[in-house]
Amino acid sequence: MFSHLAVLLGHLLSWGFLGWIGPLIIFLMYKDRNRFVRYNAAEALNGAIAVVIAQVVLGVVLGIFGFVTLGLGFAAFPLVGIPALIQLIFAIIGAVRANQGEWWNYPLNIRLVK
């Protein structure tokens, strides 16, 4: 549960870019102790890494779009925060499910850490 809540804290403090630090610490500390904690920490970490990747790609695409449209496209730059907002919802659901003892997968998650 704390790994999902750490994603929330990281997203709120950095608008999505540091949401991976808390789950990484929990994953590294507890990966050999408890399978359930490892699974939830890996899910939260994978989700946070996916958000960072999506935000970087969106930032580059919207930056190029802004230059191509001679600055008018920069108005769409706040869309970079949408993956972080979606991840906040998933992290809340994941924390609730982990607290209930359920094995829950993040939808649309990239499985980099297993």
PDB file of N, CA and C in Angstrom:
ATOM      1  N   MET A   1       0.825  -1.181   0.000  1.00  0.00           N
ATOM      2  CA  MET A   1       0.000   0.000   0.000  1.00  0.00           C
ATOM      3  C   MET A   1       0.877   1.255   0.000  1.00  0.00           C
ATOM      4  N   PHE A   2       1.978   1.219   0.741  1.00  0.00           N
ATOM      5  CA  PHE A   2       2.824   2.400   0.831  1.00  0.00           C
ATOM      6  C   PHE A   2       3.520   2.728  -0.487  1.00  0.00           C
ATOM      7  N   SER A   3       3.773   1.738  -1.306  1.00  0.00           N
ATOM      8  CA  SER A   3       4.397   2.027  -2.598  1.00  0.00           C
ATOM      9  C   SER A   3       3.441   2.811  -3.493  1.00  0.00           C
ATOM     10  N   HIS A   4       2.162   2.483  -3.451  1.00  0.00           N
ATOM     11  CA  HIS A   4       1.177   3.228  -4.230  1.00  0.00           C
ATOM     12  C   HIS A   4       1.015   4.641  -3.677  1.00  0.00           C
ATOM     13  N   LEU A   5       1.034   4.760  -2.365  1.00  0.00           N
ATOM     14  CA  LEU A   5       0.924   6.083  -1.755  1.00  0.00           C
ATOM     15  C   LEU A   5       2.175   6.914  -2.003  1.00  0.00           C
ATOM     16  N   ALA A   6       3.323   6.258  -2.120  1.00  0.00           N
ATOM     17  CA  ALA A   6       4.555   6.976  -2.444  1.00  0.00           C
ATOM     18  C   ALA A   6       4.486   7.554  -3.856  1.00  0.00           C
ATOM     19  N   VAL A   7       3.816   6.848  -4.758  1.00  0.00           N
ATOM     20  CA  VAL A   7       3.603   7.385  -6.107  1.00  0.00           C
ATOM     21  C   VAL A   7       2.766   8.659  -6.012  1.00  0.00           C
ATOM     22  N   LEU A   8       1.715   8.612  -5.207  1.00  0.00           N
ATOM     23  CA  LEU A   8       0.874   9.798  -5.011  1.00  0.00           C
ATOM     24  C   LEU A   8       1.697  10.975  -4.515  1.00  0.00           C
ATOM     25  N   LEU A   9       2.503  10.736  -3.500  1.00  0.00           N
ATOM     26  CA  LEU A   9       3.321  11.800  -2.930  1.00  0.00           C
ATOM     27  C   LEU A   9       4.315  12.339  -3.947  1.00  0.00           C
ATOM     28  N   GLY A  10       4.964  11.450  -4.674  1.00  0.00           N
ATOM     29  CA  GLY A  10       5.926  11.879  -5.691  1.00  0.00           C
ATOM     30  C   GLY A  10       5.274  12.681  -6.803  1.00  0.00           C
ATOM     31  N   HIS A  11       4.081  12.280  -7.205  1.00  0.00           N
ATOM     32  CA  HIS A  11       3.374  13.020  -8.257  1.00  0.00           C
ATOM     33  C   HIS A  11       2.934  14.388  -7.764  1.00  0.00           C
ATOM     34  N   LEU A  12       2.464  14.452  -6.536  1.00  0.00           N
ATOM     35  CA  LEU A  12       2.000  15.729  -6.019  1.00  0.00           C
ATOM     36  C   LEU A  12       3.150  16.709  -5.811  1.00  0.00           C
ATOM     37  N   LEU A  13       4.322  16.201  -5.455  1.00  0.00           N
ATOM     38  CA  LEU A  13       5.468  17.077  -5.232  1.00  0.00           C
ATOM     39  C   LEU A  13       6.143  17.514  -6.521  1.00  0.00           C
ATOM     40  N   SER A  14       6.049  16.700  -7.581  1.00  0.00           N
ATOM     41  CA  SER A  14       6.818  17.009  -8.787  1.00  0.00           C
ATOM     42  C   SER A  14       6.004  16.927 -10.071  1.00  0.00           C
ATOM     43  N   TRP A  15       4.708  16.862  -9.992  1.00  0.00           N
ATOM     44  CA  TRP A  15       3.806  16.762 -11.127  1.00  0.00           C
ATOM     45  C   TRP A  15       4.146  15.579 -12.018  1.00  0.00           C
ATOM     46  N   GLY A  16       4.515  14.474 -11.381  1.00  0.00           N
ATOM     47  CA  GLY A  16       4.658  13.230 -12.106  1.00  0.00           C
ATOM     48  C   GLY A  16       6.067  12.755 -12.361  1.00  0.00           C
ATOM     49  N   PHE A  17       7.054  13.606 -12.251  1.00  0.00           N
ATOM     50  CA  PHE A  17       8.397  13.208 -12.646  1.00  0.00           C
ATOM     51  C   PHE A  17       9.153  12.433 -11.570  1.00  0.00           C
ATOM     52  N   LEU A  18       8.779  12.568 -10.308  1.00  0.00           N
ATOM     53  CA  LEU A  18       9.492  11.856  -9.244  1.00  0.00           C
ATOM     54  C   LEU A  18       8.641  10.795  -8.569  1.00  0.00           C
ATOM     55  N   GLY A  19       7.580  10.371  -9.203  1.00  0.00           N
ATOM     56  CA  GLY A  19       6.711   9.359  -8.625  1.00  0.00           C
ATOM     57  C   GLY A  19       7.337   7.983  -8.547  1.00  0.00           C
ATOM     58  N   TRP A  20       8.458   7.770  -9.180  1.00  0.00           N
ATOM     59  CA  TRP A  20       9.116   6.467  -9.223  1.00  0.00           C
ATOM     60  C   TRP A  20      10.071   6.248  -8.055  1.00  0.00           C
ATOM     61  N   ILE A  21      10.457   7.284  -7.331  1.00  0.00           N
ATOM     62  CA  ILE A  21      11.479   7.145  -6.292  1.00  0.00           C
ATOM     63  C   ILE A  21      10.974   6.320  -5.106  1.00  0.00           C
ATOM     64  N   GLY A  22       9.791   6.625  -4.607  1.00  0.00           N
ATOM     65  CA  GLY A  22       9.244   5.895  -3.462  1.00  0.00           C
ATOM     66  C   GLY A  22       9.047   4.416  -3.736  1.00  0.00           C
ATOM     67  N   PRO A  23       8.376   4.053  -4.843  1.00  0.00           N
ATOM     68  CA  PRO A  23       8.227   2.629  -5.140  1.00  0.00           C
ATOM     69  C   PRO A  23       9.564   1.916  -5.361  1.00  0.00           C
ATOM     70  N   LEU A  24      10.542   2.619  -5.928  1.00  0.00           N
ATOM     71  CA  LEU A  24      11.860   2.013  -6.132  1.00  0.00           C
ATOM     72  C   LEU A  24      12.517   1.681  -4.799  1.00  0.00           C
ATOM     73  N   ILE A  25      12.433   2.589  -3.847  1.00  0.00           N
ATOM     74  CA  ILE A  25      13.019   2.346  -2.525  1.00  0.00           C
ATOM     75  C   ILE A  25      12.328   1.165  -1.845  1.00  0.00           C
ATOM     76  N   ILE A  26      11.000   1.148  -1.892  1.00  0.00           N
ATOM     77  CA  ILE A  26      10.252   0.049  -1.272  1.00  0.00           C
ATOM     78  C   ILE A  26      10.548  -1.269  -1.980  1.00  0.00           C
ATOM     79  N   PHE A  27      10.625  -1.234  -3.313  1.00  0.00           N
ATOM     80  CA  PHE A  27      10.929  -2.445  -4.070  1.00  0.00           C
ATOM     81  C   PHE A  27      12.302  -2.989  -3.699  1.00  0.00           C
ATOM     82  N   LEU A  28      13.297  -2.123  -3.633  1.00  0.00           N
ATOM     83  CA  LEU A  28      14.654  -2.580  -3.316  1.00  0.00           C
ATOM     84  C   LEU A  28      14.780  -3.087  -1.879  1.00  0.00           C
ATOM     85  N   MET A  29      14.038  -2.493  -0.959  1.00  0.00           N
ATOM     86  CA  MET A  29      14.117  -2.904   0.436  1.00  0.00           C
ATOM     87  C   MET A  29      13.379  -4.212   0.707  1.00  0.00           C
ATOM     88  N   TYR A  30      12.240  -4.424   0.057  1.00  0.00           N
ATOM     89  CA  TYR A  30      11.377  -5.550   0.403  1.00  0.00           C
ATOM     90  C   TYR A  30      11.241  -6.605  -0.685  1.00  0.00           C
ATOM     91  N   LYS A  31      12.035  -6.532  -1.738  1.00  0.00           N
ATOM     92  CA  LYS A  31      11.848  -7.460  -2.851  1.00  0.00           C
ATOM     93  C   LYS A  31      12.111  -8.914  -2.484  1.00  0.00           C
ATOM     94  N   ASP A  32      12.940  -9.169  -1.491  1.00  0.00           N
ATOM     95  CA  ASP A  32      13.241 -10.543  -1.097  1.00  0.00           C
ATOM     96  C   ASP A  32      12.477 -10.999   0.144  1.00  0.00           C
ATOM     97  N   ARG A  33      11.709 -10.111   0.745  1.00  0.00           N
ATOM     98  CA  ARG A  33      11.037 -10.447   1.996  1.00  0.00           C
ATOM     99  C   ARG A  33       9.612 -10.944   1.810  1.00  0.00           C
ATOM    100  N   ASN A  34       8.849 -10.263   0.962  1.00  0.00           N
ATOM    101  CA  ASN A  34       7.435 -10.572   0.843  1.00  0.00           C
ATOM    102  C   ASN A  34       7.020 -10.467  -0.620  1.00  0.00           C
ATOM    103  N   ARG A  35       6.422 -11.516  -1.137  1.00  0.00           N
ATOM    104  CA  ARG A  35       6.028 -11.557  -2.544  1.00  0.00           C
ATOM    105  C   ARG A  35       4.927 -10.556  -2.866  1.00  0.00           C
ATOM    106  N   PHE A  36       3.980 -10.365  -1.960  1.00  0.00           N
ATOM    107  CA  PHE A  36       2.878  -9.434  -2.169  1.00  0.00           C
ATOM    108  C   PHE A  36       3.375  -7.991  -2.208  1.00  0.00           C
ATOM    109  N   VAL A  37       4.274  -7.650  -1.290  1.00  0.00           N
ATOM    110  CA  VAL A  37       4.834  -6.299  -1.267  1.00  0.00           C
ATOM    111  C   VAL A  37       5.668  -6.057  -2.515  1.00  0.00           C
ATOM    112  N   ARG A  38       6.446  -7.057  -2.910  1.00  0.00           N
ATOM    113  CA  ARG A  38       7.259  -6.937  -4.123  1.00  0.00           C
ATOM    114  C   ARG A  38       6.374  -6.701  -5.349  1.00  0.00           C
ATOM    115  N   TYR A  39       5.283  -7.454  -5.447  1.00  0.00           N
ATOM    116  CA  TYR A  39       4.380  -7.321  -6.592  1.00  0.00           C
ATOM    117  C   TYR A  39       3.785  -5.916  -6.655  1.00  0.00           C
ATOM    118  N   ASN A  40       3.275  -5.422  -5.536  1.00  0.00           N
ATOM    119  CA  ASN A  40       2.659  -4.096  -5.525  1.00  0.00           C
ATOM    120  C   ASN A  40       3.678  -2.993  -5.750  1.00  0.00           C
ATOM    121  N   ALA A  41       4.866  -3.143  -5.192  1.00  0.00           N
ATOM    122  CA  ALA A  41       5.905  -2.144  -5.423  1.00  0.00           C
ATOM    123  C   ALA A  41       6.333  -2.152  -6.893  1.00  0.00           C
ATOM    124  N   ALA A  42       6.423  -3.336  -7.496  1.00  0.00           N
ATOM    125  CA  ALA A  42       6.790  -3.423  -8.910  1.00  0.00           C
ATOM    126  C   ALA A  42       5.704  -2.812  -9.793  1.00  0.00           C
ATOM    127  N   GLU A  43       4.441  -3.046  -9.466  1.00  0.00           N
ATOM    128  CA  GLU A  43       3.346  -2.451 -10.233  1.00  0.00           C
ATOM    129  C   GLU A  43       3.384  -0.929 -10.138  1.00  0.00           C
ATOM    130  N   ALA A  44       3.571  -0.408  -8.930  1.00  0.00           N
ATOM    131  CA  ALA A  44       3.628   1.042  -8.754  1.00  0.00           C
ATOM    132  C   ALA A  44       4.841   1.629  -9.461  1.00  0.00           C
ATOM    133  N   LEU A  45       5.973   0.950  -9.379  1.00  0.00           N
ATOM    134  CA  LEU A  45       7.189   1.413 -10.043  1.00  0.00           C
ATOM    135  C   LEU A  45       7.037   1.394 -11.559  1.00  0.00           C
ATOM    136  N   ASN A  46       6.480   0.319 -12.099  1.00  0.00           N
ATOM    137  CA  ASN A  46       6.254   0.248 -13.543  1.00  0.00           C
ATOM    138  C   ASN A  46       5.308   1.343 -14.018  1.00  0.00           C
ATOM    139  N   GLY A  47       4.276   1.595 -13.254  1.00  0.00           N
ATOM    140  CA  GLY A  47       3.344   2.662 -13.620  1.00  0.00           C
ATOM    141  C   GLY A  47       4.001   4.031 -13.592  1.00  0.00           C
ATOM    142  N   ALA A  48       4.825   4.268 -12.593  1.00  0.00           N
ATOM    143  CA  ALA A  48       5.498   5.558 -12.491  1.00  0.00           C
ATOM    144  C   ALA A  48       6.525   5.747 -13.603  1.00  0.00           C
ATOM    145  N   ILE A  49       7.227   4.684 -13.962  1.00  0.00           N
ATOM    146  CA  ILE A  49       8.187   4.763 -15.067  1.00  0.00           C
ATOM    147  C   ILE A  49       7.452   5.019 -16.375  1.00  0.00           C
ATOM    148  N   ALA A  50       6.317   4.375 -16.568  1.00  0.00           N
ATOM    149  CA  ALA A  50       5.521   4.591 -17.780  1.00  0.00           C
ATOM    150  C   ALA A  50       5.047   6.039 -17.865  1.00  0.00           C
ATOM    151  N   VAL A  51       4.700   6.626 -16.731  1.00  0.00           N
ATOM    152  CA  VAL A  51       4.253   8.023 -16.720  1.00  0.00           C
ATOM    153  C   VAL A  51       5.396   8.956 -17.113  1.00  0.00           C
ATOM    154  N   VAL A  52       6.577   8.713 -16.592  1.00  0.00           N
ATOM    155  CA  VAL A  52       7.722   9.561 -16.941  1.00  0.00           C
ATOM    156  C   VAL A  52       8.021   9.458 -18.441  1.00  0.00           C
ATOM    157  N   ILE A  53       7.991   8.242 -18.968  1.00  0.00           N
ATOM    158  CA  ILE A  53       8.226   8.053 -20.402  1.00  0.00           C
ATOM    159  C   ILE A  53       7.157   8.781 -21.214  1.00  0.00           C
ATOM    160  N   ALA A  54       5.903   8.639 -20.824  1.00  0.00           N
ATOM    161  CA  ALA A  54       4.813   9.295 -21.553  1.00  0.00           C
ATOM    162  C   ALA A  54       4.931  10.814 -21.480  1.00  0.00           C
ATOM    163  N   GLN A  55       5.339  11.337 -20.327  1.00  0.00           N
ATOM    164  CA  GLN A  55       5.467  12.781 -20.200  1.00  0.00           C
ATOM    165  C   GLN A  55       6.622  13.327 -21.028  1.00  0.00           C
ATOM    166  N   VAL A  56       7.715  12.597 -21.082  1.00  0.00           N
ATOM    167  CA  VAL A  56       8.846  13.051 -21.897  1.00  0.00           C
ATOM    168  C   VAL A  56       8.466  13.034 -23.377  1.00  0.00           C
ATOM    169  N   VAL A  57       7.825  11.950 -23.818  1.00  0.00           N
ATOM    170  CA  VAL A  57       7.412  11.858 -25.227  1.00  0.00           C
ATOM    171  C   VAL A  57       6.404  12.958 -25.555  1.00  0.00           C
ATOM    172  N   LEU A  58       5.417  13.161 -24.691  1.00  0.00           N
ATOM    173  CA  LEU A  58       4.441  14.224 -24.928  1.00  0.00           C
ATOM    174  C   LEU A  58       5.098  15.597 -24.947  1.00  0.00           C
ATOM    175  N   GLY A  59       6.051  15.815 -24.057  1.00  0.00           N
ATOM    176  CA  GLY A  59       6.755  17.092 -24.024  1.00  0.00           C
ATOM    177  C   GLY A  59       7.517  17.364 -25.304  1.00  0.00           C
ATOM    178  N   VAL A  60       8.192  16.345 -25.810  1.00  0.00           N
ATOM    179  CA  VAL A  60       8.938  16.508 -27.063  1.00  0.00           C
ATOM    180  C   VAL A  60       7.980  16.745 -28.227  1.00  0.00           C
ATOM    181  N   VAL A  61       6.923  15.946 -28.310  1.00  0.00           N
ATOM    182  CA  VAL A  61       5.964  16.093 -29.409  1.00  0.00           C
ATOM    183  C   VAL A  61       5.282  17.455 -29.363  1.00  0.00           C
ATOM    184  N   LEU A  62       4.850  17.876 -28.179  1.00  0.00           N
ATOM    185  CA  LEU A  62       4.192  19.175 -28.081  1.00  0.00           C
ATOM    186  C   LEU A  62       5.169  20.323 -28.278  1.00  0.00           C
ATOM    187  N   GLY A  63       6.436  20.114 -27.908  1.00  0.00           N
ATOM    188  CA  GLY A  63       7.445  21.136 -28.174  1.00  0.00           C
ATOM    189  C   GLY A  63       7.665  21.319 -29.660  1.00  0.00           C
ATOM    190  N   ILE A  64       7.782  20.230 -30.381  1.00  0.00           N
ATOM    191  CA  ILE A  64       7.926  20.303 -31.838  1.00  0.00           C
ATOM    192  C   ILE A  64       6.681  20.925 -32.453  1.00  0.00           C
ATOM    193  N   PHE A  65       5.511  20.520 -31.967  1.00  0.00           N
ATOM    194  CA  PHE A  65       4.258  21.087 -32.468  1.00  0.00           C
ATOM    195  C   PHE A  65       4.202  22.594 -32.214  1.00  0.00           C
ATOM    196  N   GLY A  66       4.704  23.019 -31.082  1.00  0.00           N
ATOM    197  CA  GLY A  66       4.726  24.449 -30.767  1.00  0.00           C
ATOM    198  C   GLY A  66       5.624  25.230 -31.702  1.00  0.00           C
ATOM    199  N   PHE A  67       6.778  24.683 -32.044  1.00  0.00           N
ATOM    200  CA  PHE A  67       7.668  25.360 -32.979  1.00  0.00           C
ATOM    201  C   PHE A  67       7.098  25.375 -34.400  1.00  0.00           C
ATOM    202  N   VAL A  68       6.479  24.274 -34.796  1.00  0.00           N
ATOM    203  CA  VAL A  68       5.910  24.197 -36.145  1.00  0.00           C
ATOM    204  C   VAL A  68       4.773  25.203 -36.317  1.00  0.00           C
ATOM    205  N   THR A  69       3.985  25.398 -35.280  1.00  0.00           N
ATOM    206  CA  THR A  69       2.848  26.322 -35.367  1.00  0.00           C
ATOM    207  C   THR A  69       3.224  27.739 -34.943  1.00  0.00           C
ATOM    208  N   LEU A  70       4.524  28.016 -34.891  1.00  0.00           N
ATOM    209  CA  LEU A  70       5.041  29.345 -34.543  1.00  0.00           C
ATOM    210  C   LEU A  70       4.557  29.825 -33.179  1.00  0.00           C
ATOM    211  N   GLY A  71       4.530  28.916 -32.228  1.00  0.00           N
ATOM    212  CA  GLY A  71       4.210  29.261 -30.850  1.00  0.00           C
ATOM    213  C   GLY A  71       2.779  29.020 -30.436  1.00  0.00           C
ATOM    214  N   LEU A  72       1.877  28.858 -31.361  1.00  0.00           N
ATOM    215  CA  LEU A  72       0.479  28.644 -31.001  1.00  0.00           C
ATOM    216  C   LEU A  72       0.266  27.282 -30.345  1.00  0.00           C
ATOM    217  N   GLY A  73       1.059  26.310 -30.713  1.00  0.00           N
ATOM    218  CA  GLY A  73       0.913  24.968 -30.172  1.00  0.00           C
ATOM    219  C   GLY A  73       1.380  24.831 -28.734  1.00  0.00           C
ATOM    220  N   PHE A  74       2.111  25.828 -28.239  1.00  0.00           N
ATOM    221  CA  PHE A  74       2.563  25.750 -26.852  1.00  0.00           C
ATOM    222  C   PHE A  74       1.410  25.873 -25.861  1.00  0.00           C
ATOM    223  N   ALA A  75       0.259  26.313 -26.322  1.00  0.00           N
ATOM    224  CA  ALA A  75      -0.924  26.375 -25.456  1.00  0.00           C
ATOM    225  C   ALA A  75      -1.372  24.984 -25.037  1.00  0.00           C
ATOM    226  N   ALA A  76      -0.999  23.963 -25.801  1.00  0.00           N
ATOM    227  CA  ALA A  76      -1.377  22.585 -25.483  1.00  0.00           C
ATOM    228  C   ALA A  76      -0.382  21.919 -24.537  1.00  0.00           C
ATOM    229  N   PHE A  77       0.649  22.630 -24.114  1.00  0.00           N
ATOM    230  CA  PHE A  77       1.688  22.029 -23.281  1.00  0.00           C
ATOM    231  C   PHE A  77       1.195  21.510 -21.926  1.00  0.00           C
ATOM    232  N   PRO A  78       0.145  22.081 -21.319  1.00  0.00           N
ATOM    233  CA  PRO A  78      -0.369  21.491 -20.072  1.00  0.00           C
ATOM    234  C   PRO A  78      -0.863  20.054 -20.209  1.00  0.00           C
ATOM    235  N   LEU A  79      -1.055  19.583 -21.439  1.00  0.00           N
ATOM    236  CA  LEU A  79      -1.470  18.194 -21.641  1.00  0.00           C
ATOM    237  C   LEU A  79      -0.402  17.203 -21.179  1.00  0.00           C
ATOM    238  N   VAL A  80       0.805  17.668 -20.960  1.00  0.00           N
ATOM    239  CA  VAL A  80       1.882  16.797 -20.481  1.00  0.00           C
ATOM    240  C   VAL A  80       1.539  16.230 -19.104  1.00  0.00           C
ATOM    241  N   GLY A  81       0.716  16.912 -18.344  1.00  0.00           N
ATOM    242  CA  GLY A  81       0.351  16.460 -17.005  1.00  0.00           C
ATOM    243  C   GLY A  81      -0.743  15.407 -16.966  1.00  0.00           C
ATOM    244  N   ILE A  82      -1.374  15.114 -18.075  1.00  0.00           N
ATOM    245  CA  ILE A  82      -2.481  14.154 -18.084  1.00  0.00           C
ATOM    246  C   ILE A  82      -2.046  12.750 -17.668  1.00  0.00           C
ATOM    247  N   PRO A  83      -0.900  12.226 -18.135  1.00  0.00           N
ATOM    248  CA  PRO A  83      -0.501  10.894 -17.652  1.00  0.00           C
ATOM    249  C   PRO A  83      -0.320  10.848 -16.127  1.00  0.00           C
ATOM    250  N   ALA A  84       0.166  11.930 -15.543  1.00  0.00           N
ATOM    251  CA  ALA A  84       0.327  11.962 -14.087  1.00  0.00           C
ATOM    252  C   ALA A  84      -1.026  11.944 -13.381  1.00  0.00           C
ATOM    253  N   LEU A  85      -2.010  12.632 -13.937  1.00  0.00           N
ATOM    254  CA  LEU A  85      -3.344  12.606 -13.334  1.00  0.00           C
ATOM    255  C   LEU A  85      -3.964  11.219 -13.415  1.00  0.00           C
ATOM    256  N   ILE A  86      -3.781  10.555 -14.538  1.00  0.00           N
ATOM    257  CA  ILE A  86      -4.294   9.193 -14.682  1.00  0.00           C
ATOM    258  C   ILE A  86      -3.593   8.263 -13.704  1.00  0.00           C
ATOM    259  N   GLN A  87      -2.282   8.441 -13.547  1.00  0.00           N
ATOM    260  CA  GLN A  87      -1.517   7.618 -12.604  1.00  0.00           C
ATOM    261  C   GLN A  87      -1.959   7.864 -11.164  1.00  0.00           C
ATOM    262  N   LEU A  88      -2.335   9.086 -10.828  1.00  0.00           N
ATOM    263  CA  LEU A  88      -2.849   9.363  -9.483  1.00  0.00           C
ATOM    264  C   LEU A  88      -4.093   8.530  -9.191  1.00  0.00           C
ATOM    265  N   ILE A  89      -4.979   8.441 -10.162  1.00  0.00           N
ATOM    266  CA  ILE A  89      -6.193   7.639  -9.986  1.00  0.00           C
ATOM    267  C   ILE A  89      -5.837   6.167  -9.806  1.00  0.00           C
ATOM    268  N   PHE A  90      -4.928   5.673 -10.655  1.00  0.00           N
ATOM    269  CA  PHE A  90      -4.518   4.272 -10.546  1.00  0.00           C
ATOM    270  C   PHE A  90      -3.807   3.997  -9.226  1.00  0.00           C
ATOM    271  N   ALA A  91      -3.022   4.948  -8.740  1.00  0.00           N
ATOM    272  CA  ALA A  91      -2.307   4.756  -7.475  1.00  0.00           C
ATOM    273  C   ALA A  91      -3.276   4.695  -6.298  1.00  0.00           C
ATOM    274  N   ILE A  92      -4.320   5.494  -6.340  1.00  0.00           N
ATOM    275  CA  ILE A  92      -5.326   5.442  -5.276  1.00  0.00           C
ATOM    276  C   ILE A  92      -6.047   4.095  -5.294  1.00  0.00           C
ATOM    277  N   ILE A  93      -6.441   3.662  -6.482  1.00  0.00           N
ATOM    278  CA  ILE A  93      -7.100   2.359  -6.604  1.00  0.00           C
ATOM    279  C   ILE A  93      -6.155   1.249  -6.145  1.00  0.00           C
ATOM    280  N   GLY A  94      -4.881   1.319  -6.565  1.00  0.00           N
ATOM    281  CA  GLY A  94      -3.899   0.313  -6.167  1.00  0.00           C
ATOM    282  C   GLY A  94      -3.675   0.276  -4.671  1.00  0.00           C
ATOM    283  N   ALA A  95      -3.645   1.440  -4.020  1.00  0.00           N
ATOM    284  CA  ALA A  95      -3.459   1.487  -2.568  1.00  0.00           C
ATOM    285  C   ALA A  95      -4.639   0.861  -1.839  1.00  0.00           C
ATOM    286  N   VAL A  96      -5.842   1.153  -2.320  1.00  0.00           N
ATOM    287  CA  VAL A  96      -7.036   0.571  -1.699  1.00  0.00           C
ATOM    288  C   VAL A  96      -7.047  -0.941  -1.886  1.00  0.00           C
ATOM    289  N   ARG A  97      -6.741  -1.389  -3.091  1.00  0.00           N
ATOM    290  CA  ARG A  97      -6.736  -2.830  -3.366  1.00  0.00           C
ATOM    291  C   ARG A  97      -5.629  -3.543  -2.591  1.00  0.00           C
ATOM    292  N   ALA A  98      -4.459  -2.928  -2.473  1.00  0.00           N
ATOM    293  CA  ALA A  98      -3.371  -3.538  -1.705  1.00  0.00           C
ATOM    294  C   ALA A  98      -3.728  -3.608  -0.230  1.00  0.00           C
ATOM    295  N   ASN A  99      -4.403  -2.593   0.255  1.00  0.00           N
ATOM    296  CA  ASN A  99      -4.826  -2.603   1.652  1.00  0.00           C
ATOM    297  C   ASN A  99      -5.839  -3.712   1.911  1.00  0.00           C
ATOM    298  N   GLN A 100      -6.629  -4.061   0.890  1.00  0.00           N
ATOM    299  CA  GLN A 100      -7.601  -5.144   1.013  1.00  0.00           C
ATOM    300  C   GLN A 100      -6.987  -6.511   0.746  1.00  0.00           C
ATOM    301  N   GLY A 101      -5.702  -6.540   0.377  1.00  0.00           N
ATOM    302  CA  GLY A 101      -5.008  -7.797   0.137  1.00  0.00           C
ATOM    303  C   GLY A 101      -5.196  -8.365  -1.256  1.00  0.00           C
ATOM    304  N   GLU A 102      -5.645  -7.549  -2.200  1.00  0.00           N
ATOM    305  CA  GLU A 102      -5.880  -8.008  -3.572  1.00  0.00           C
ATOM    306  C   GLU A 102      -4.643  -7.799  -4.433  1.00  0.00           C
ATOM    307  N   TRP A 103      -4.465  -8.682  -5.395  1.00  0.00           N
ATOM    308  CA  TRP A 103      -3.398  -8.572  -6.395  1.00  0.00           C
ATOM    309  C   TRP A 103      -3.993  -7.841  -7.581  1.00  0.00           C
ATOM    310  N   TRP A 104      -3.716  -6.563  -7.724  1.00  0.00           N
ATOM    311  CA  TRP A 104      -4.340  -5.745  -8.749  1.00  0.00           C
ATOM    312  C   TRP A 104      -3.291  -5.249  -9.737  1.00  0.00           C
ATOM    313  N   ASN A 105      -3.599  -5.371 -11.053  1.00  0.00           N
ATOM    314  CA  ASN A 105      -2.713  -4.879 -12.104  1.00  0.00           C
ATOM    315  C   ASN A 105      -3.128  -3.485 -12.520  1.00  0.00           C
ATOM    316  N   TYR A 106      -2.143  -2.627 -12.734  1.00  0.00           N
ATOM    317  CA  TYR A 106      -2.426  -1.322 -13.320  1.00  0.00           C
ATOM    318  C   TYR A 106      -2.827  -1.534 -14.786  1.00  0.00           C
ATOM    319  N   PRO A 107      -3.914  -0.923 -15.234  1.00  0.00           N
ATOM    320  CA  PRO A 107      -4.216  -1.003 -16.664  1.00  0.00           C
ATOM    321  C   PRO A 107      -3.214  -0.148 -17.442  1.00  0.00           C
ATOM    322  N   LEU A 108      -2.923  -0.519 -18.650  1.00  0.00           N
ATOM    323  CA  LEU A 108      -2.007   0.224 -19.520  1.00  0.00           C
ATOM    324  C   LEU A 108      -0.623   0.386 -18.902  1.00  0.00           C
ATOM    325  N   ASN A 109      -0.123  -0.658 -18.299  1.00  0.00           N
ATOM    326  CA  ASN A 109       1.165  -0.577 -17.614  1.00  0.00           C
ATOM    327  C   ASN A 109       2.248  -1.277 -18.437  1.00  0.00           C
ATOM    328  N   ILE A 110       3.421  -0.711 -18.430  1.00  0.00           N
ATOM    329  CA  ILE A 110       4.584  -1.315 -19.080  1.00  0.00           C
ATOM    330  C   ILE A 110       5.303  -2.157 -18.026  1.00  0.00           C
ATOM    331  N   ARG A 111       5.500  -3.424 -18.266  1.00  0.00           N
ATOM    332  CA  ARG A 111       6.133  -4.317 -17.289  1.00  0.00           C
ATOM    333  C   ARG A 111       7.644  -4.330 -17.488  1.00  0.00           C
ATOM    334  N   LEU A 112       8.333  -3.359 -16.904  1.00  0.00           N
ATOM    335  CA  LEU A 112       9.796  -3.301 -16.974  1.00  0.00           C
ATOM    336  C   LEU A 112      10.429  -4.001 -15.793  1.00  0.00           C
ATOM    337  N   VAL A 113       9.842  -3.838 -14.609  1.00  0.00           N
ATOM    338  CA  VAL A 113      10.337  -4.456 -13.385  1.00  0.00           C
ATOM    339  C   VAL A 113       9.382  -5.590 -13.023  1.00  0.00           C
ATOM    340  N   LYS A 114       9.933  -6.777 -12.764  1.00  0.00           N
ATOM    341  CA  LYS A 114       9.071  -7.925 -12.428  1.00  0.00           C
ATOM    342  C   LYS A 114       9.375  -8.445 -11.057  1.00  0.00           C
TER     343      LYS A 114
END
